[in-house]
N, C-alpha and C. Protein backbone atom coordinates (compact mmCIF):
# COMPACT_ATOMS: atom_id res chain seq x y z
N MET A 1 62.25 163.12 163.27
CA MET A 1 61.37 162.93 162.15
C MET A 1 60.01 162.38 162.56
N ILE A 2 59.56 162.69 163.75
CA ILE A 2 58.27 162.20 164.22
C ILE A 2 57.12 163.02 163.64
N GLN A 3 57.27 164.33 163.55
CA GLN A 3 56.16 165.17 163.10
C GLN A 3 55.67 164.80 161.69
N PRO A 4 56.57 164.50 160.75
CA PRO A 4 56.05 164.07 159.43
C PRO A 4 55.18 162.81 159.52
N LEU A 5 55.53 161.89 160.41
CA LEU A 5 54.71 160.69 160.61
C LEU A 5 53.34 161.08 161.15
N ILE A 6 53.30 161.98 162.12
CA ILE A 6 52.04 162.45 162.70
C ILE A 6 51.20 163.14 161.63
N ASP A 7 51.83 163.96 160.82
CA ASP A 7 51.12 164.67 159.76
C ASP A 7 50.52 163.68 158.75
N THR A 8 51.28 162.66 158.38
CA THR A 8 50.79 161.64 157.46
C THR A 8 49.63 160.87 158.06
N PHE A 9 49.73 160.57 159.36
CA PHE A 9 48.66 159.88 160.07
C PHE A 9 47.36 160.67 159.97
N PHE A 10 47.39 161.94 160.36
CA PHE A 10 46.17 162.74 160.34
C PHE A 10 45.66 162.98 158.91
N ALA A 11 46.55 163.13 157.95
CA ALA A 11 46.14 163.38 156.56
C ALA A 11 45.34 162.22 155.98
N ALA A 12 45.52 161.02 156.52
CA ALA A 12 44.79 159.85 156.02
C ALA A 12 43.30 159.96 156.28
N PHE A 13 42.91 160.73 157.30
CA PHE A 13 41.51 160.79 157.70
C PHE A 13 40.83 162.01 157.09
N ALA A 14 40.66 161.92 155.78
CA ALA A 14 40.00 162.99 155.04
C ALA A 14 39.34 162.36 153.81
N THR A 15 38.12 162.77 153.53
CA THR A 15 37.46 162.30 152.32
C THR A 15 38.07 163.02 151.12
N GLY A 16 37.70 162.56 149.94
CA GLY A 16 38.14 163.24 148.74
C GLY A 16 39.17 162.47 147.96
N PRO A 17 39.76 163.16 146.97
CA PRO A 17 40.74 162.51 146.09
C PRO A 17 41.90 161.89 146.89
N ASP A 18 42.34 160.76 146.45
CA ASP A 18 43.49 160.05 147.04
C ASP A 18 43.21 159.50 148.44
N CYS A 19 41.96 159.49 148.87
CA CYS A 19 41.64 158.95 150.20
C CYS A 19 42.12 157.51 150.33
N ALA A 20 41.80 156.68 149.35
CA ALA A 20 42.19 155.27 149.41
C ALA A 20 43.71 155.12 149.48
N ALA A 21 44.43 155.91 148.73
CA ALA A 21 45.90 155.84 148.75
C ALA A 21 46.45 156.26 150.10
N ARG A 22 45.86 157.30 150.70
CA ARG A 22 46.33 157.73 152.03
C ARG A 22 46.06 156.64 153.07
N LEU A 23 44.92 155.98 152.97
CA LEU A 23 44.61 154.89 153.90
C LEU A 23 45.52 153.70 153.66
N ASP A 24 45.85 153.43 152.39
CA ASP A 24 46.76 152.33 152.07
C ASP A 24 48.15 152.56 152.68
N ALA A 25 48.53 153.82 152.86
CA ALA A 25 49.84 154.16 153.41
C ALA A 25 49.89 154.03 154.93
N LEU A 26 48.73 153.98 155.59
CA LEU A 26 48.71 153.96 157.06
C LEU A 26 49.46 152.78 157.69
N PRO A 27 49.30 151.54 157.24
CA PRO A 27 49.98 150.44 157.93
C PRO A 27 51.49 150.62 158.05
N ALA A 28 52.12 151.28 157.10
CA ALA A 28 53.57 151.49 157.15
C ALA A 28 53.98 152.41 158.29
N LEU A 29 53.04 153.17 158.84
CA LEU A 29 53.35 154.06 159.96
C LEU A 29 53.41 153.31 161.30
N PHE A 30 52.85 152.11 161.33
CA PHE A 30 52.71 151.33 162.57
C PHE A 30 53.66 150.15 162.60
N LEU A 31 54.01 149.71 163.79
CA LEU A 31 54.62 148.40 163.94
C LEU A 31 53.56 147.37 163.58
N PRO A 32 53.93 146.23 163.01
CA PRO A 32 52.92 145.23 162.65
C PRO A 32 52.06 144.78 163.84
N GLN A 33 52.63 144.76 165.02
CA GLN A 33 51.93 144.30 166.21
C GLN A 33 51.40 145.46 167.08
N ALA A 34 51.30 146.65 166.50
CA ALA A 34 50.84 147.82 167.26
C ALA A 34 49.45 147.59 167.83
N LEU A 35 49.20 148.25 168.95
CA LEU A 35 47.89 148.17 169.61
C LEU A 35 47.17 149.50 169.45
N ILE A 36 45.92 149.41 169.10
CA ILE A 36 45.06 150.59 169.02
C ILE A 36 43.95 150.37 170.03
N VAL A 37 43.90 151.23 171.03
CA VAL A 37 42.92 151.09 172.11
C VAL A 37 41.87 152.17 171.93
N ARG A 38 40.66 151.73 171.57
CA ARG A 38 39.55 152.65 171.37
C ARG A 38 38.87 152.94 172.70
N PRO A 39 38.12 154.05 172.74
CA PRO A 39 37.33 154.32 173.94
C PRO A 39 36.47 153.11 174.27
N GLY A 40 36.32 152.82 175.55
CA GLY A 40 35.62 151.62 175.97
C GLY A 40 36.55 150.43 176.09
N LEU A 41 37.84 150.68 175.89
CA LEU A 41 38.91 149.69 176.05
C LEU A 41 38.87 148.55 175.04
N ALA A 42 38.25 148.76 173.89
CA ALA A 42 38.34 147.78 172.81
C ALA A 42 39.72 147.90 172.18
N VAL A 43 40.33 146.77 171.91
CA VAL A 43 41.68 146.76 171.33
C VAL A 43 41.60 146.29 169.89
N ASP A 44 42.18 147.09 168.99
CA ASP A 44 42.19 146.76 167.57
C ASP A 44 43.61 146.46 167.12
N THR A 45 43.69 145.70 166.04
CA THR A 45 44.94 145.59 165.30
C THR A 45 44.96 146.75 164.30
N VAL A 46 46.08 146.92 163.63
CA VAL A 46 46.16 147.98 162.63
C VAL A 46 45.09 147.78 161.56
N ASP A 47 44.96 146.56 161.05
CA ASP A 47 43.98 146.30 159.99
C ASP A 47 42.54 146.51 160.47
N SER A 48 42.22 146.06 161.69
CA SER A 48 40.85 146.22 162.17
C SER A 48 40.55 147.67 162.55
N PHE A 49 41.57 148.48 162.75
CA PHE A 49 41.40 149.91 162.97
C PHE A 49 41.10 150.62 161.65
N ILE A 50 41.82 150.26 160.60
CA ILE A 50 41.69 150.94 159.32
C ILE A 50 40.41 150.55 158.58
N ALA A 51 40.02 149.30 158.63
CA ALA A 51 38.91 148.80 157.81
C ALA A 51 37.61 149.62 157.95
N PRO A 52 37.11 149.85 159.16
CA PRO A 52 35.85 150.62 159.24
C PRO A 52 36.03 152.08 158.84
N ARG A 53 37.20 152.62 159.03
CA ARG A 53 37.44 154.01 158.63
C ARG A 53 37.49 154.12 157.10
N ARG A 54 38.03 153.10 156.46
CA ARG A 54 38.04 153.08 154.99
C ARG A 54 36.59 153.08 154.48
N THR A 55 35.75 152.23 155.07
CA THR A 55 34.35 152.17 154.66
C THR A 55 33.66 153.51 154.88
N LEU A 56 33.90 154.12 156.03
CA LEU A 56 33.28 155.40 156.36
C LEU A 56 33.75 156.51 155.42
N LEU A 57 35.05 156.57 155.17
CA LEU A 57 35.62 157.67 154.38
C LEU A 57 35.38 157.53 152.88
N THR A 58 35.15 156.31 152.41
CA THR A 58 34.98 156.11 150.97
C THR A 58 33.57 155.68 150.59
N GLY A 59 32.70 155.49 151.57
CA GLY A 59 31.36 154.97 151.30
C GLY A 59 30.35 155.96 150.79
N GLY A 60 30.62 157.26 150.88
CA GLY A 60 29.72 158.26 150.36
C GLY A 60 28.79 158.91 151.37
N GLY A 61 28.57 158.27 152.52
CA GLY A 61 27.70 158.86 153.54
C GLY A 61 28.38 159.97 154.32
N LEU A 62 29.69 160.00 154.28
CA LEU A 62 30.49 161.02 154.95
C LEU A 62 31.21 161.83 153.87
N THR A 63 31.00 163.14 153.87
CA THR A 63 31.63 164.00 152.87
C THR A 63 32.26 165.19 153.55
N SER A 64 33.13 165.83 152.83
CA SER A 64 33.82 167.04 153.32
C SER A 64 34.42 166.81 154.71
N PHE A 65 34.90 165.60 154.95
CA PHE A 65 35.45 165.28 156.27
C PHE A 65 36.95 165.46 156.27
N ARG A 66 37.42 165.96 157.40
CA ARG A 66 38.86 165.99 157.67
C ARG A 66 39.07 166.01 159.16
N GLU A 67 40.22 165.50 159.57
CA GLU A 67 40.63 165.50 160.97
C GLU A 67 42.05 166.04 160.99
N TRP A 68 42.38 166.89 161.96
CA TRP A 68 43.70 167.49 161.98
C TRP A 68 44.16 167.71 163.42
N GLU A 69 45.48 167.75 163.55
CA GLU A 69 46.10 168.03 164.84
C GLU A 69 46.00 169.53 165.12
N VAL A 70 45.58 169.87 166.33
CA VAL A 70 45.49 171.27 166.75
C VAL A 70 46.75 171.67 167.50
N THR A 71 47.08 170.92 168.53
CA THR A 71 48.31 171.14 169.29
C THR A 71 48.94 169.78 169.57
N GLY A 72 50.25 169.76 169.73
CA GLY A 72 50.90 168.50 170.02
C GLY A 72 52.24 168.70 170.69
N THR A 73 52.58 167.74 171.53
CA THR A 73 53.86 167.74 172.22
C THR A 73 54.46 166.34 172.13
N THR A 74 55.72 166.29 171.76
CA THR A 74 56.41 165.01 171.66
C THR A 74 57.55 164.98 172.67
N THR A 75 57.62 163.89 173.41
CA THR A 75 58.71 163.65 174.34
C THR A 75 59.49 162.45 173.83
N VAL A 76 60.79 162.63 173.63
CA VAL A 76 61.65 161.56 173.12
C VAL A 76 62.67 161.21 174.19
N VAL A 77 62.80 159.91 174.44
CA VAL A 77 63.82 159.39 175.35
C VAL A 77 64.50 158.25 174.61
N GLY A 78 65.68 158.51 174.09
CA GLY A 78 66.38 157.48 173.33
C GLY A 78 65.58 157.07 172.11
N ASP A 79 65.24 155.79 172.05
CA ASP A 79 64.52 155.24 170.90
C ASP A 79 63.03 155.07 171.14
N ILE A 80 62.51 155.71 172.18
CA ILE A 80 61.06 155.69 172.42
C ILE A 80 60.55 157.12 172.49
N ALA A 81 59.28 157.29 172.17
CA ALA A 81 58.71 158.64 172.18
C ALA A 81 57.22 158.54 172.47
N GLN A 82 56.69 159.64 172.95
CA GLN A 82 55.25 159.76 173.17
C GLN A 82 54.80 161.09 172.57
N HIS A 83 53.73 161.03 171.81
CA HIS A 83 53.16 162.24 171.21
C HIS A 83 51.74 162.39 171.76
N LEU A 84 51.50 163.48 172.46
CA LEU A 84 50.19 163.79 173.02
C LEU A 84 49.67 165.00 172.28
N CYS A 85 48.46 164.88 171.73
CA CYS A 85 47.94 166.00 170.94
C CYS A 85 46.43 166.13 171.08
N THR A 86 45.98 167.33 170.79
CA THR A 86 44.56 167.56 170.63
C THR A 86 44.29 167.59 169.13
N TYR A 87 43.05 167.25 168.78
CA TYR A 87 42.69 167.24 167.37
C TYR A 87 41.27 167.76 167.21
N ALA A 88 40.97 168.14 165.99
CA ALA A 88 39.63 168.58 165.65
C ALA A 88 39.21 167.83 164.39
N LYS A 89 37.90 167.77 164.18
CA LYS A 89 37.38 167.13 162.98
C LYS A 89 36.09 167.83 162.58
N GLU A 90 35.81 167.76 161.28
CA GLU A 90 34.58 168.34 160.76
C GLU A 90 34.20 167.59 159.51
N GLY A 91 32.92 167.62 159.20
CA GLY A 91 32.45 166.97 158.00
C GLY A 91 30.95 167.06 157.89
N VAL A 92 30.43 166.33 156.93
CA VAL A 92 29.00 166.24 156.70
C VAL A 92 28.65 164.75 156.65
N ARG A 93 27.78 164.33 157.55
CA ARG A 93 27.37 162.92 157.59
C ARG A 93 25.88 162.84 157.34
N ASP A 94 25.54 162.10 156.30
CA ASP A 94 24.14 161.96 155.90
C ASP A 94 23.46 163.31 155.76
N GLY A 95 24.20 164.26 155.17
CA GLY A 95 23.65 165.58 154.90
C GLY A 95 23.68 166.56 156.05
N LYS A 96 24.18 166.14 157.21
CA LYS A 96 24.20 167.01 158.39
C LYS A 96 25.63 167.37 158.78
N PRO A 97 25.96 168.67 158.80
CA PRO A 97 27.31 169.08 159.22
C PRO A 97 27.55 168.75 160.69
N PHE A 98 28.80 168.44 161.00
CA PHE A 98 29.18 168.19 162.39
C PHE A 98 30.63 168.61 162.60
N THR A 99 30.97 168.82 163.85
CA THR A 99 32.34 169.10 164.26
C THR A 99 32.61 168.28 165.52
N GLY A 100 33.87 168.13 165.84
CA GLY A 100 34.26 167.43 167.05
C GLY A 100 35.71 167.70 167.38
N SER A 101 36.12 167.19 168.52
CA SER A 101 37.51 167.35 168.95
C SER A 101 37.83 166.25 169.94
N GLY A 102 39.10 166.18 170.32
CA GLY A 102 39.51 165.17 171.28
C GLY A 102 41.00 165.22 171.52
N THR A 103 41.49 164.15 172.14
CA THR A 103 42.89 164.02 172.49
C THR A 103 43.37 162.65 172.02
N LYS A 104 44.55 162.61 171.43
CA LYS A 104 45.17 161.35 171.01
C LYS A 104 46.53 161.22 171.67
N MET A 105 46.88 159.99 171.98
CA MET A 105 48.19 159.68 172.50
C MET A 105 48.80 158.59 171.63
N LEU A 106 49.96 158.86 171.11
CA LEU A 106 50.68 157.90 170.28
C LEU A 106 52.00 157.57 170.95
N GLN A 107 52.29 156.31 171.07
CA GLN A 107 53.59 155.87 171.57
C GLN A 107 54.35 155.34 170.37
N LEU A 108 55.60 155.75 170.26
CA LEU A 108 56.40 155.42 169.09
C LEU A 108 57.73 154.79 169.48
N VAL A 109 58.29 154.04 168.54
CA VAL A 109 59.62 153.48 168.73
C VAL A 109 60.43 153.74 167.45
N ARG A 110 61.73 153.93 167.65
CA ARG A 110 62.61 154.12 166.50
C ARG A 110 63.07 152.73 166.04
N THR A 111 62.86 152.44 164.78
CA THR A 111 63.27 151.17 164.18
C THR A 111 64.34 151.48 163.14
N PRO A 112 64.96 150.47 162.58
CA PRO A 112 65.93 150.73 161.51
C PRO A 112 65.29 151.45 160.30
N GLN A 113 63.97 151.31 160.14
CA GLN A 113 63.26 151.97 159.04
C GLN A 113 62.75 153.36 159.43
N GLY A 114 62.97 153.77 160.67
CA GLY A 114 62.48 155.06 161.14
C GLY A 114 61.47 154.90 162.26
N TRP A 115 60.86 155.99 162.66
CA TRP A 115 59.88 155.96 163.75
C TRP A 115 58.61 155.25 163.30
N ARG A 116 58.05 154.44 164.20
CA ARG A 116 56.80 153.74 163.94
C ARG A 116 55.90 153.85 165.18
N ILE A 117 54.60 153.83 164.93
CA ILE A 117 53.63 153.88 166.02
C ILE A 117 53.51 152.50 166.63
N ALA A 118 53.73 152.40 167.95
CA ALA A 118 53.61 151.14 168.67
C ALA A 118 52.24 151.02 169.34
N ALA A 119 51.65 152.16 169.70
CA ALA A 119 50.34 152.16 170.35
C ALA A 119 49.65 153.50 170.10
N LEU A 120 48.33 153.43 170.02
CA LEU A 120 47.52 154.61 169.78
C LEU A 120 46.27 154.51 170.64
N SER A 121 45.91 155.59 171.30
CA SER A 121 44.65 155.66 172.01
C SER A 121 44.12 157.07 171.90
N TRP A 122 42.82 157.24 172.12
CA TRP A 122 42.24 158.57 171.99
C TRP A 122 40.98 158.70 172.83
N HIS A 123 40.61 159.95 173.02
CA HIS A 123 39.39 160.28 173.74
C HIS A 123 38.69 161.39 172.97
N ASP A 124 37.47 161.14 172.51
CA ASP A 124 36.68 162.19 171.87
C ASP A 124 36.03 163.03 172.95
N ASP A 125 36.07 164.36 172.76
CA ASP A 125 35.41 165.26 173.73
C ASP A 125 33.90 165.12 173.60
């Protein structure tokens, strides 16, 4: 049941109706102590990862935005897993269309409540 978690994760990063609700659902996908390592080796907590994205996605300067998984591979060993994927994104920022892509790596653990993200890192192309 890892792919539904991945799909929910990516679905959160889209402007439009229900954006706030999708962002509100993100913390439940992560372990409370999960690590998010941004490019440049900055480490975020789940809350400090979500907060600026909420501002960006709901603030009005970014429109028609979405991010989605292009390809992905999951390796499961017992109660741990790794999901490596490529992603794409597109939108309009301050009136200018843009596109992008990159690679994300998610490390997951199986808990009594189901699979949860323990760590996330990514590289924008």
